[in-house]
C-alpha cells in the first residue's frame, strides 16, 4: 500500500508562485509514473503535469512554461513548482502515483487559491 500526502497549497496573488510537495510512503516500488491533477469547483479533474520513471515530463498547454514537475527519488517526494499563477489555476491539487503493478494511488488534495 502507498500513501501520498500533499502540502504547500495556500492563497497567492496573481503572478505569484507556490511549490507543492507530494510525499510518498509505504510500499513505494517500481513507480510507472507520478502526476499532478487539479479540480476546480464544477469542473472535471484535469491533468496538470506528469513525470515518468525515466524522468520524462509532459504538461498541458494551459500550464506549459509556468509549471515544473520534479522528483527527489531519495526522499520519495514529488514537487510542482507553479509560477505566474492565474486566477484560473485556483483548484484542489492532487498527486497521483501509478505503480508498475497497475495500482493507482491518490493523495487527499491541497487547495490552491489565486486571488488578489
Protein backbone atom coordinates (compact mmCIF):
# COMPACT_ATOMS: atom_id res chain seq x y z
CA UNK A 1 0.00 0.00 0.00
CA UNK A 2 1.17 3.51 -0.82
CA UNK A 3 0.22 6.71 0.99
CA UNK A 4 0.53 10.13 -0.65
CA UNK A 5 0.42 13.38 1.30
CA UNK A 6 0.34 16.75 -0.46
CA UNK A 7 1.41 20.03 1.09
CA UNK A 8 2.26 23.56 0.06
CA UNK A 9 -1.10 24.89 -1.06
CA UNK A 10 -2.45 28.24 0.01
CA UNK A 11 -3.56 31.69 -1.08
CA UNK A 12 -1.38 33.59 -3.52
CA UNK A 13 -1.84 36.73 -5.60
CA UNK A 14 -1.98 36.57 -9.40
CA UNK A 15 1.53 36.40 -10.77
CA UNK A 16 2.84 34.73 -7.64
CA UNK A 17 4.41 31.34 -7.08
CA UNK A 18 3.81 28.25 -4.98
CA UNK A 19 5.58 24.92 -4.66
CA UNK A 20 3.53 21.85 -3.91
CA UNK A 21 5.02 18.71 -2.44
CA UNK A 22 3.79 15.13 -2.51
CA UNK A 23 5.45 12.74 -0.09
CA UNK A 24 5.05 9.05 -0.79
CA UNK A 25 5.35 6.38 1.90
CA UNK A 26 4.62 2.69 2.24
CA UNK A 27 5.45 0.14 -0.43
CA UNK A 28 6.93 2.57 -2.93
CA UNK A 29 8.47 0.28 -5.53
CA UNK A 30 8.54 0.24 -9.31
CA UNK A 31 6.74 3.50 -9.98
CA UNK A 32 5.41 3.81 -13.52
CA UNK A 33 4.69 7.49 -13.33
CA UNK A 34 3.58 10.23 -10.95
CA UNK A 35 1.29 13.10 -11.77
CA UNK A 36 -0.38 16.22 -10.51
CA UNK A 37 -4.06 16.77 -11.22
CA UNK A 38 -6.37 19.58 -10.25
CA UNK A 39 -10.10 20.00 -9.89
CA UNK A 40 -11.87 23.33 -9.79
CA UNK A 41 -15.44 23.66 -8.48
CA UNK A 42 -17.93 22.39 -11.03
CA UNK A 43 -15.21 21.08 -13.35
CA UNK A 44 -13.69 17.71 -14.10
CA UNK A 45 -10.35 16.71 -12.68
CA UNK A 46 -7.62 17.51 -15.19
CA UNK A 47 -4.00 16.51 -15.60
CA UNK A 48 -1.55 19.27 -14.78
CA UNK A 49 1.81 17.55 -15.05
CA UNK A 50 3.30 14.06 -15.30
CA UNK A 51 6.74 12.63 -14.73
CA UNK A 52 7.68 9.10 -15.74
CA UNK A 53 10.07 6.74 -14.02
CA UNK A 54 12.63 7.73 -16.62
CA UNK A 55 12.23 11.41 -15.84
CA UNK A 56 10.27 12.44 -18.92
CA UNK A 57 7.71 15.15 -18.28
CA UNK A 58 4.64 16.45 -20.01
CA UNK A 59 2.22 19.29 -19.43
CA UNK A 60 -0.99 20.56 -20.96
CA UNK A 61 -0.76 23.84 -22.86
CA UNK A 62 -2.60 25.64 -20.06
CA UNK A 63 0.40 25.35 -17.69
CA UNK A 64 3.32 24.73 -20.05
CA UNK A 65 6.14 27.17 -19.35
CA UNK A 66 4.71 28.13 -15.95
CA UNK A 67 4.63 24.82 -14.02
CA UNK A 68 7.52 22.42 -13.47
CA UNK A 69 7.23 18.90 -12.09
CA UNK A 70 10.18 17.19 -10.46
CA UNK A 71 11.03 14.25 -8.22
CA UNK A 72 13.51 13.56 -5.46
CA UNK A 73 13.80 9.78 -5.51
CA UNK A 74 15.90 9.69 -2.36
CA UNK A 75 13.10 11.40 -0.45
CA UNK A 76 10.24 9.70 -2.32
CA UNK A 77 8.85 13.18 -2.91
CA UNK A 78 7.43 14.87 -5.98
CA UNK A 79 7.14 18.60 -6.45
CA UNK A 80 5.17 21.03 -8.56
CA UNK A 81 6.70 24.47 -8.92
CA UNK A 82 3.98 26.85 -10.06
CA UNK A 83 4.96 30.29 -11.32
CA UNK A 84 3.00 33.16 -12.87
CA UNK A 85 -0.14 31.87 -11.24
CA UNK A 86 -3.50 32.96 -12.62
CA UNK A 87 -6.96 33.01 -11.02
CA UNK A 88 -7.94 30.14 -13.31
CA UNK A 89 -5.30 27.99 -11.60
CA UNK A 90 -7.47 28.00 -8.49
CA UNK A 91 -8.36 24.40 -7.67
CA UNK A 92 -7.71 21.49 -5.36
CA UNK A 93 -4.46 19.88 -6.48
CA UNK A 94 -3.97 16.14 -6.14
CA UNK A 95 -0.93 13.98 -6.59
CA UNK A 96 -1.22 10.56 -8.12
CA UNK A 97 1.09 7.57 -8.39
CA UNK A 98 0.71 4.69 -10.81
CA UNK A 99 2.76 1.67 -9.86
CA UNK A 100 4.28 -0.73 -12.34
CA UNK A 101 1.91 -3.34 -10.89
CA UNK A 102 -1.02 -1.21 -12.03
CA UNK A 103 -2.04 0.14 -8.65
CA UNK A 104 -3.24 3.74 -8.68
CA UNK A 105 -2.92 5.90 -5.57
CA UNK A 106 -4.16 9.40 -4.78
CA UNK A 107 -3.39 11.98 -2.16
CA UNK A 108 -6.06 13.87 -0.23
CA UNK A 109 -5.53 17.13 -2.15
CA UNK A 110 -4.33 20.60 -1.27
CA UNK A 111 -6.19 23.83 -2.02
CA UNK A 112 -4.57 26.46 -4.21
CA UNK A 113 -6.34 29.81 -4.43
CA UNK A 114 -5.09 32.56 -6.72
CA UNK A 115 -6.77 35.83 -5.89
CA UNK A 116 -6.00 39.45 -5.16
